[in-house]
């Protein structure tokens, strides 16, 4: 059984400075879901955070859209590559809505291409997509590992066990 956190607990995690840096930075997310064939998939993906939900836009006929309509349970990881790593782990339930045109959040998330390349990128995106599928993820669990104030529970337990054994 998956642990579900209260919205207050999720907000506390999501509002931590490192979580905000990850959510509003340029890192891609690794998006995990169960494909229609029942096999798990993880794909790198751009995203936006609207303060309450993770938003993803994609082609309406993308495999993930059909998969999420069948099984909406998802997980995401957003992380850094430096040391110590900063890792935001998220779990939630996805809903899908097809919208006309390109959502504003998708255009804003595209700023990572750089100021010089952005106008051409935006024009290309707007010319390509007549509609997009917006995947909205309502979170039911969140954890930030910054390896300064938070570490994985198994490592925490090991440190405690070693300390107890030394005192012992």
C-alpha atoms as a PDB file:
ATOM      1  CA  UNK A   1       0.000   0.000   0.000  1.00  0.00           C
ATOM      2  CA  UNK A   2       1.365   3.373  -1.028  1.00  0.00           C
ATOM      3  CA  UNK A   3       1.598   5.971   1.683  1.00  0.00           C
ATOM      4  CA  UNK A   4      -0.476   9.056   0.960  1.00  0.00           C
ATOM      5  CA  UNK A   5       0.543  12.373   2.457  1.00  0.00           C
ATOM      6  CA  UNK A   6      -1.744  15.250   3.355  1.00  0.00           C
ATOM      7  CA  UNK A   7      -1.732  18.285   1.072  1.00  0.00           C
ATOM      8  CA  UNK A   8      -0.107  20.220   3.939  1.00  0.00           C
ATOM      9  CA  UNK A   9       2.764  17.693   4.115  1.00  0.00           C
ATOM     10  CA  UNK A  10       3.195  17.795   0.332  1.00  0.00           C
ATOM     11  CA  UNK A  11       3.199  21.610   0.365  1.00  0.00           C
ATOM     12  CA  UNK A  12       5.893  21.631   3.052  1.00  0.00           C
ATOM     13  CA  UNK A  13       8.132  19.471   0.841  1.00  0.00           C
ATOM     14  CA  UNK A  14       7.369  21.370  -2.355  1.00  0.00           C
ATOM     15  CA  UNK A  15       8.038  24.771  -0.739  1.00  0.00           C
ATOM     16  CA  UNK A  16      11.522  23.889   0.513  1.00  0.00           C
ATOM     17  CA  UNK A  17      14.187  26.000  -1.226  1.00  0.00           C
ATOM     18  CA  UNK A  18      15.886  23.038  -2.943  1.00  0.00           C
ATOM     19  CA  UNK A  19      12.524  21.703  -4.157  1.00  0.00           C
ATOM     20  CA  UNK A  20      11.703  25.129  -5.589  1.00  0.00           C
ATOM     21  CA  UNK A  21      15.105  25.269  -7.326  1.00  0.00           C
ATOM     22  CA  UNK A  22      14.450  21.890  -8.925  1.00  0.00           C
ATOM     23  CA  UNK A  23      10.855  22.700  -9.888  1.00  0.00           C
ATOM     24  CA  UNK A  24      11.754  26.049 -11.421  1.00  0.00           C
ATOM     25  CA  UNK A  25      15.127  25.127 -12.914  1.00  0.00           C
ATOM     26  CA  UNK A  26      16.070  23.653 -16.259  1.00  0.00           C
ATOM     27  CA  UNK A  27      16.373  20.012 -15.209  1.00  0.00           C
ATOM     28  CA  UNK A  28      14.181  17.530 -17.034  1.00  0.00           C
ATOM     29  CA  UNK A  29      12.002  15.120 -15.107  1.00  0.00           C
ATOM     30  CA  UNK A  30      12.117  11.379 -15.387  1.00  0.00           C
ATOM     31  CA  UNK A  31       8.473  10.371 -15.766  1.00  0.00           C
ATOM     32  CA  UNK A  32       7.427   6.828 -14.857  1.00  0.00           C
ATOM     33  CA  UNK A  33       4.147   5.165 -15.734  1.00  0.00           C
ATOM     34  CA  UNK A  34       2.781   1.772 -16.755  1.00  0.00           C
ATOM     35  CA  UNK A  35       2.465   1.377 -20.510  1.00  0.00           C
ATOM     36  CA  UNK A  36      -0.688  -0.102 -22.065  1.00  0.00           C
ATOM     37  CA  UNK A  37       1.154  -3.442 -22.338  1.00  0.00           C
ATOM     38  CA  UNK A  38       1.550  -3.428 -18.532  1.00  0.00           C
ATOM     39  CA  UNK A  39       5.296  -2.833 -18.653  1.00  0.00           C
ATOM     40  CA  UNK A  40       6.801   0.099 -16.721  1.00  0.00           C
ATOM     41  CA  UNK A  41       8.305   2.982 -18.702  1.00  0.00           C
ATOM     42  CA  UNK A  42      10.486   5.904 -17.700  1.00  0.00           C
ATOM     43  CA  UNK A  43      10.903   8.802 -20.104  1.00  0.00           C
ATOM     44  CA  UNK A  44      12.702  12.133 -19.811  1.00  0.00           C
ATOM     45  CA  UNK A  45      10.207  14.952 -20.080  1.00  0.00           C
ATOM     46  CA  UNK A  46       9.777  18.690 -19.694  1.00  0.00           C
ATOM     47  CA  UNK A  47       7.268  19.884 -17.130  1.00  0.00           C
ATOM     48  CA  UNK A  48       5.870  22.908 -15.338  1.00  0.00           C
ATOM     49  CA  UNK A  49       4.840  23.368 -11.706  1.00  0.00           C
ATOM     50  CA  UNK A  50       1.775  25.542 -11.153  1.00  0.00           C
ATOM     51  CA  UNK A  51       2.029  25.557  -7.363  1.00  0.00           C
ATOM     52  CA  UNK A  52      -0.387  22.669  -6.958  1.00  0.00           C
ATOM     53  CA  UNK A  53       0.191  20.240  -9.837  1.00  0.00           C
ATOM     54  CA  UNK A  54       2.887  19.075 -12.206  1.00  0.00           C
ATOM     55  CA  UNK A  55       1.892  19.820 -15.792  1.00  0.00           C
ATOM     56  CA  UNK A  56       3.159  18.098 -18.928  1.00  0.00           C
ATOM     57  CA  UNK A  57       2.068  18.738 -22.517  1.00  0.00           C
ATOM     58  CA  UNK A  58       2.492  16.234 -25.308  1.00  0.00           C
ATOM     59  CA  UNK A  59       1.100  14.983 -28.599  1.00  0.00           C
ATOM     60  CA  UNK A  60      -2.476  13.723 -28.089  1.00  0.00           C
ATOM     61  CA  UNK A  61      -1.586  10.416 -29.807  1.00  0.00           C
ATOM     62  CA  UNK A  62       1.511   9.816 -27.635  1.00  0.00           C
ATOM     63  CA  UNK A  63       1.738   6.352 -26.096  1.00  0.00           C
ATOM     64  CA  UNK A  64       1.786   7.843 -22.606  1.00  0.00           C
ATOM     65  CA  UNK A  65      -1.626   9.474 -23.138  1.00  0.00           C
ATOM     66  CA  UNK A  66      -3.314   6.136 -23.843  1.00  0.00           C
ATOM     67  CA  UNK A  67      -1.398   4.514 -20.989  1.00  0.00           C
ATOM     68  CA  UNK A  68      -2.419   7.181 -18.469  1.00  0.00           C
ATOM     69  CA  UNK A  69      -6.055   6.867 -19.423  1.00  0.00           C
ATOM     70  CA  UNK A  70      -5.787   3.164 -18.595  1.00  0.00           C
ATOM     71  CA  UNK A  71      -3.662   3.528 -15.432  1.00  0.00           C
ATOM     72  CA  UNK A  72      -3.217   7.065 -14.050  1.00  0.00           C
ATOM     73  CA  UNK A  73      -0.640   6.221 -11.354  1.00  0.00           C
ATOM     74  CA  UNK A  74       2.694   7.974 -12.039  1.00  0.00           C
ATOM     75  CA  UNK A  75       6.003   8.876 -10.465  1.00  0.00           C
ATOM     76  CA  UNK A  76       8.498  11.610 -11.306  1.00  0.00           C
ATOM     77  CA  UNK A  77      12.054  12.319 -10.297  1.00  0.00           C
ATOM     78  CA  UNK A  78      13.717  15.693 -10.789  1.00  0.00           C
ATOM     79  CA  UNK A  79      17.365  15.800  -9.807  1.00  0.00           C
ATOM     80  CA  UNK A  80      20.759  17.429 -10.185  1.00  0.00           C
ATOM     81  CA  UNK A  81      23.936  15.805 -11.424  1.00  0.00           C
ATOM     82  CA  UNK A  82      26.355  17.534  -9.038  1.00  0.00           C
ATOM     83  CA  UNK A  83      27.441  16.483  -5.587  1.00  0.00           C
ATOM     84  CA  UNK A  84      25.757  16.384  -3.203  1.00  0.00           C
ATOM     85  CA  UNK A  85      22.767  15.469  -5.345  1.00  0.00           C
ATOM     86  CA  UNK A  86      19.428  17.174  -4.891  1.00  0.00           C
ATOM     87  CA  UNK A  87      16.525  14.845  -5.672  1.00  0.00           C
ATOM     88  CA  UNK A  88      12.799  15.513  -5.680  1.00  0.00           C
ATOM     89  CA  UNK A  89      10.732  12.313  -5.715  1.00  0.00           C
ATOM     90  CA  UNK A  90       7.036  12.606  -6.544  1.00  0.00           C
ATOM     91  CA  UNK A  91       4.081  10.250  -6.874  1.00  0.00           C
ATOM     92  CA  UNK A  92       0.591  11.058  -7.985  1.00  0.00           C
ATOM     93  CA  UNK A  93      -2.412  10.518 -10.188  1.00  0.00           C
ATOM     94  CA  UNK A  94      -2.530  11.871 -13.728  1.00  0.00           C
ATOM     95  CA  UNK A  95      -5.486  13.191 -15.645  1.00  0.00           C
ATOM     96  CA  UNK A  96      -5.402  14.018 -19.358  1.00  0.00           C
ATOM     97  CA  UNK A  97      -7.213  16.774 -21.239  1.00  0.00           C
ATOM     98  CA  UNK A  98      -6.780  17.618 -24.917  1.00  0.00           C
ATOM     99  CA  UNK A  99      -6.687  21.388 -25.481  1.00  0.00           C
ATOM    100  CA  UNK A 100      -6.609  23.532 -28.607  1.00  0.00           C
ATOM    101  CA  UNK A 101      -3.283  25.095 -29.485  1.00  0.00           C
ATOM    102  CA  UNK A 102      -0.224  25.186 -27.236  1.00  0.00           C
ATOM    103  CA  UNK A 103      -0.659  25.811 -23.496  1.00  0.00           C
ATOM    104  CA  UNK A 104       1.128  28.882 -22.114  1.00  0.00           C
ATOM    105  CA  UNK A 105       3.013  26.792 -19.547  1.00  0.00           C
ATOM    106  CA  UNK A 106       4.568  24.756 -22.378  1.00  0.00           C
ATOM    107  CA  UNK A 107       5.846  27.897 -24.060  1.00  0.00           C
ATOM    108  CA  UNK A 108       7.187  29.268 -20.758  1.00  0.00           C
ATOM    109  CA  UNK A 109       8.925  25.958 -20.010  1.00  0.00           C
ATOM    110  CA  UNK A 110      10.622  26.255 -23.402  1.00  0.00           C
ATOM    111  CA  UNK A 111      12.718  29.209 -22.243  1.00  0.00           C
ATOM    112  CA  UNK A 112      15.512  26.694 -21.578  1.00  0.00           C
ATOM    113  CA  UNK A 113      16.410  26.841 -25.281  1.00  0.00           C
ATOM    114  CA  UNK A 114      17.966  30.248 -24.658  1.00  0.00           C
ATOM    115  CA  UNK A 115      16.910  33.800 -25.450  1.00  0.00           C
ATOM    116  CA  UNK A 116      18.423  33.816 -28.927  1.00  0.00           C
ATOM    117  CA  UNK A 117      16.844  30.534 -30.074  1.00  0.00           C
ATOM    118  CA  UNK A 118      13.505  31.038 -28.303  1.00  0.00           C
ATOM    119  CA  UNK A 119      11.587  32.972 -31.028  1.00  0.00           C
ATOM    120  CA  UNK A 120      12.328  30.314 -33.666  1.00  0.00           C
ATOM    121  CA  UNK A 121      11.571  27.495 -31.226  1.00  0.00           C
ATOM    122  CA  UNK A 122       8.240  29.070 -30.211  1.00  0.00           C
ATOM    123  CA  UNK A 123       7.222  29.658 -33.837  1.00  0.00           C
ATOM    124  CA  UNK A 124       8.045  26.022 -34.667  1.00  0.00           C
ATOM    125  CA  UNK A 125       6.039  24.705 -31.727  1.00  0.00           C
ATOM    126  CA  UNK A 126       3.010  26.863 -32.516  1.00  0.00           C
ATOM    127  CA  UNK A 127       3.144  25.791 -36.192  1.00  0.00           C
ATOM    128  CA  UNK A 128       3.414  22.086 -35.285  1.00  0.00           C
ATOM    129  CA  UNK A 129       0.691  21.660 -32.667  1.00  0.00           C
ATOM    130  CA  UNK A 130      -2.965  22.360 -33.441  1.00  0.00           C
ATOM    131  CA  UNK A 131      -3.787  20.695 -30.119  1.00  0.00           C
ATOM    132  CA  UNK A 132      -1.932  19.151 -27.199  1.00  0.00           C
ATOM    133  CA  UNK A 133      -2.709  16.691 -24.457  1.00  0.00           C
ATOM    134  CA  UNK A 134      -2.168  18.290 -21.049  1.00  0.00           C
ATOM    135  CA  UNK A 135      -1.215  15.788 -18.375  1.00  0.00           C
ATOM    136  CA  UNK A 136      -2.024  17.184 -14.942  1.00  0.00           C
ATOM    137  CA  UNK A 137      -0.551  15.316 -11.990  1.00  0.00           C
ATOM    138  CA  UNK A 138      -2.158  15.613  -8.583  1.00  0.00           C
ATOM    139  CA  UNK A 139       0.477  14.663  -6.032  1.00  0.00           C
ATOM    140  CA  UNK A 140      -0.180  12.242  -3.197  1.00  0.00           C
ATOM    141  CA  UNK A 141       3.442  11.857  -2.030  1.00  0.00           C
ATOM    142  CA  UNK A 142       6.618  13.954  -2.194  1.00  0.00           C
ATOM    143  CA  UNK A 143      10.121  13.651  -0.771  1.00  0.00           C
ATOM    144  CA  UNK A 144      13.185  15.849  -1.110  1.00  0.00           C
ATOM    145  CA  UNK A 145      16.628  14.347  -0.645  1.00  0.00           C
ATOM    146  CA  UNK A 146      19.289  17.044  -0.434  1.00  0.00           C
ATOM    147  CA  UNK A 147      21.979  15.002   1.352  1.00  0.00           C
ATOM    148  CA  UNK A 148      22.489  17.947   3.696  1.00  0.00           C
ATOM    149  CA  UNK A 149      19.303  17.970   5.770  1.00  0.00           C
ATOM    150  CA  UNK A 150      17.576  14.883   4.336  1.00  0.00           C
ATOM    151  CA  UNK A 151      18.922  11.501   3.263  1.00  0.00           C
ATOM    152  CA  UNK A 152      17.293   8.200   2.269  1.00  0.00           C
ATOM    153  CA  UNK A 153      15.664   6.454   5.238  1.00  0.00           C
ATOM    154  CA  UNK A 154      17.768   3.306   4.761  1.00  0.00           C
ATOM    155  CA  UNK A 155      20.970   5.389   5.097  1.00  0.00           C
ATOM    156  CA  UNK A 156      19.503   7.189   8.109  1.00  0.00           C
ATOM    157  CA  UNK A 157      18.732   3.817   9.738  1.00  0.00           C
ATOM    158  CA  UNK A 158      22.238   2.513   9.006  1.00  0.00           C
ATOM    159  CA  UNK A 159      23.859   5.585  10.584  1.00  0.00           C
ATOM    160  CA  UNK A 160      21.687   5.167  13.700  1.00  0.00           C
ATOM    161  CA  UNK A 161      22.497   1.426  13.923  1.00  0.00           C
ATOM    162  CA  UNK A 162      26.257   2.091  13.637  1.00  0.00           C
ATOM    163  CA  UNK A 163      26.064   4.813  16.318  1.00  0.00           C
ATOM    164  CA  UNK A 164      24.139   2.506  18.641  1.00  0.00           C
ATOM    165  CA  UNK A 165      26.630  -0.316  18.068  1.00  0.00           C
ATOM    166  CA  UNK A 166      29.563   1.984  18.897  1.00  0.00           C
ATOM    167  CA  UNK A 167      27.884   3.105  22.121  1.00  0.00           C
ATOM    168  CA  UNK A 168      26.946  -0.380  22.897  1.00  0.00           C
END
